[in-house]
C-alpha atoms as a PDB file:
ATOM      1  CA  MET A   1      18.165   2.889  34.141  1.00  0.00           C
ATOM      2  CA  ASP A   2      16.670  -0.773  34.395  1.00  0.00           C
ATOM      3  CA  ASP A   3      17.413  -3.920  32.528  1.00  0.00           C
ATOM      4  CA  LEU A   4      15.072  -3.262  29.602  1.00  0.00           C
ATOM      5  CA  ASP A   5      17.212   0.149  28.794  1.00  0.00           C
ATOM      6  CA  ARG A   6      20.146  -1.194  28.880  1.00  0.00           C
ATOM      7  CA  ALA A   7      19.442  -4.220  26.759  1.00  0.00           C
ATOM      8  CA  LEU A   8      18.197  -1.531  24.266  1.00  0.00           C
ATOM      9  CA  ALA A   9      21.319   0.375  24.481  1.00  0.00           C
ATOM     10  CA  ARG A  10      23.073  -2.711  24.061  1.00  0.00           C
ATOM     11  CA  LEU A  11      21.552  -3.861  21.063  1.00  0.00           C
ATOM     12  CA  ALA A  12      21.651  -0.479  19.570  1.00  0.00           C
ATOM     13  CA  GLY A  13      25.274  -0.226  19.882  1.00  0.00           C
ATOM     14  CA  ALA A  14      25.849  -3.857  18.452  1.00  0.00           C
ATOM     15  CA  PRO A  15      26.618  -3.944  14.480  1.00  0.00           C
ATOM     16  CA  ALA A  16      24.353  -5.403  12.426  1.00  0.00           C
ATOM     17  CA  PRO A  17      24.186  -9.252  11.067  1.00  0.00           C
ATOM     18  CA  ALA A  18      26.290  -9.758   8.233  1.00  0.00           C
ATOM     19  CA  ALA A  19      23.036 -12.201   7.126  1.00  0.00           C
ATOM     20  CA  LEU A  20      21.321  -8.740   6.768  1.00  0.00           C
ATOM     21  CA  GLU A  21      23.671  -7.652   4.298  1.00  0.00           C
ATOM     22  CA  GLY A  22      21.490  -6.606   0.783  1.00  0.00           C
ATOM     23  CA  ILE A  23      18.707  -8.229   2.234  1.00  0.00           C
ATOM     24  CA  GLU A  24      16.594  -5.166   0.620  1.00  0.00           C
ATOM     25  CA  ASP A  25      17.780  -6.115  -2.803  1.00  0.00           C
ATOM     26  CA  GLN A  26      16.866 -10.031  -2.210  1.00  0.00           C
ATOM     27  CA  ILE A  27      13.095  -9.192  -0.853  1.00  0.00           C
ATOM     28  CA  LEU A  28      12.663  -6.285  -4.123  1.00  0.00           C
ATOM     29  CA  ALA A  29      13.618  -9.007  -6.045  1.00  0.00           C
ATOM     30  CA  ARG A  30      11.140 -11.313  -5.107  1.00  0.00           C
ATOM     31  CA  ILE A  31       8.539  -8.940  -4.781  1.00  0.00           C
ATOM     32  CA  GLY A  32       9.476  -7.848  -8.479  1.00  0.00           C
ATOM     33  CA  SER A  33       9.159 -11.235  -9.791  1.00  0.00           C
ATOM     34  CA  ARG A  34       5.673 -12.593  -8.424  1.00  0.00           C
ATOM     35  CA  PRO A  35       2.915 -12.094 -11.460  1.00  0.00           C
ATOM     36  CA  ALA A  36       0.685  -9.414 -10.611  1.00  0.00           C
ATOM     37  CA  VAL A  37      -3.129 -10.316  -9.279  1.00  0.00           C
ATOM     38  CA  ARG A  38      -5.329  -9.820 -12.030  1.00  0.00           C
ATOM     39  CA  GLY A  39      -9.027  -9.651 -12.013  1.00  0.00           C
ATOM     40  CA  ALA A  40      -9.496  -9.159  -8.048  1.00  0.00           C
ATOM     41  CA  GLY A  41     -11.206  -5.647  -8.887  1.00  0.00           C
ATOM     42  CA  LEU A  42     -13.981  -7.592 -10.831  1.00  0.00           C
ATOM     43  CA  GLY A  43     -14.493 -10.312  -7.855  1.00  0.00           C
ATOM     44  CA  ILE A  44     -14.621  -7.124  -5.160  1.00  0.00           C
ATOM     45  CA  GLY A  45     -16.856  -4.902  -8.102  1.00  0.00           C
ATOM     46  CA  VAL A  46     -19.419  -8.180  -8.313  1.00  0.00           C
ATOM     47  CA  ILE A  47     -19.609  -8.325  -4.503  1.00  0.00           C
ATOM     48  CA  THR A  48     -20.067  -4.697  -3.591  1.00  0.00           C
ATOM     49  CA  ALA A  49     -22.969  -4.589  -6.351  1.00  0.00           C
ATOM     50  CA  ALA A  50     -24.714  -7.702  -4.632  1.00  0.00           C
ATOM     51  CA  ALA A  51     -24.292  -6.026  -1.201  1.00  0.00           C
ATOM     52  CA  LEU A  52     -25.848  -2.971  -2.504  1.00  0.00           C
ATOM     53  CA  GLY A  53     -28.475  -4.662  -4.566  1.00  0.00           C
ATOM     54  CA  VAL A  54     -29.754  -6.506  -0.954  1.00  0.00           C
ATOM     55  CA  GLY A  55     -29.439  -3.602   0.947  1.00  0.00           C
ATOM     56  CA  ILE A  56     -31.744  -1.844  -1.633  1.00  0.00           C
ATOM     57  CA  VAL A  57     -34.438  -4.648  -1.454  1.00  0.00           C
ATOM     58  CA  GLY A  58     -33.848  -5.337   1.904  1.00  0.00           C
ATOM     59  CA  ALA A  59     -34.798  -0.764   2.364  1.00  0.00           C
ATOM     60  CA  GLU A  60     -38.010  -1.318   0.096  1.00  0.00           C
ATOM     61  CA  LEU A  61     -39.255  -4.508   2.036  1.00  0.00           C
ATOM     62  CA  PRO A  62     -41.882  -3.498   4.518  1.00  0.00           C
ATOM     63  CA  ALA A  63     -41.476  -4.299   8.019  1.00  0.00           C
ATOM     64  CA  THR A  64     -43.610  -6.689   9.889  1.00  0.00           C
ATOM     65  CA  ALA A  65     -45.342  -4.922  12.745  1.00  0.00           C
ATOM     66  CA  SER A  66     -44.497  -6.314  16.335  1.00  0.00           C
ATOM     67  CA  PRO A  67     -46.920  -5.778  19.173  1.00  0.00           C
ATOM     68  CA  ALA A  68     -46.671  -3.057  21.246  1.00  0.00           C
ATOM     69  CA  VAL A  69     -44.847  -4.397  24.966  1.00  0.00           C
ATOM     70  CA  SER A  70     -45.874  -2.355  28.018  1.00  0.00           C
ATOM     71  CA  LEU A  71     -42.172  -1.867  29.580  1.00  0.00           C
ATOM     72  CA  ALA A  72     -43.562   0.666  32.527  1.00  0.00           C
ATOM     73  CA  PRO A  73     -41.113  -0.279  35.639  1.00  0.00           C
ATOM     74  CA  LEU A  74     -44.051  -0.513  38.053  1.00  0.00           C
ATOM     75  CA  GLY A  75     -46.613  -2.216  36.054  1.00  0.00           C
ATOM     76  CA  GLY A  76     -46.422  -5.810  36.114  1.00  0.00           C
ATOM     77  CA  ALA A  77     -43.743  -8.069  34.972  1.00  0.00           C
ATOM     78  CA  SER A  78     -41.678  -6.903  32.263  1.00  0.00           C
ATOM     79  CA  PRO A  79     -41.160  -9.167  29.296  1.00  0.00           C
ATOM     80  CA  LEU A  80     -37.182  -7.859  29.219  1.00  0.00           C
ATOM     81  CA  ALA A  81     -36.365  -8.698  32.961  1.00  0.00           C
ATOM     82  CA  PRO A  82     -33.601 -11.471  33.495  1.00  0.00           C
ATOM     83  CA  SER A  83     -36.045 -13.782  34.919  1.00  0.00           C
ATOM     84  CA  ALA A  84     -38.818 -13.620  32.248  1.00  0.00           C
ATOM     85  CA  LEU A  85     -35.625 -14.035  29.697  1.00  0.00           C
ATOM     86  CA  LEU A  86     -34.333 -16.849  31.679  1.00  0.00           C
ATOM     87  CA  ILE A  87     -37.360 -19.023  31.871  1.00  0.00           C
ATOM     88  CA  GLY A  88     -38.465 -18.031  28.387  1.00  0.00           C
ATOM     89  CA  GLU A  89     -42.305 -16.746  29.856  1.00  0.00           C
ATOM     90  CA  PRO A  90     -43.615 -13.424  30.297  1.00  0.00           C
END
């Protein structure tokens, strides 16, 4: 057994600190005293509807046609070659 196992075994056998007595009740009382958040569902609904609208409009718009680029491995310089991408020229 290594040092970590011994330390964990010693910690498991140690009594709980007195400061932890009744901590569950204190935490639940603080959670219960907080006001409930209202209106968050409306904001999420509006954002969802806006995203859905943007998606529908974006799907309906025609895409612009880009010219076909030859990517043949033996057919000259490729526009996607690292050297062409670094220089910015084909």
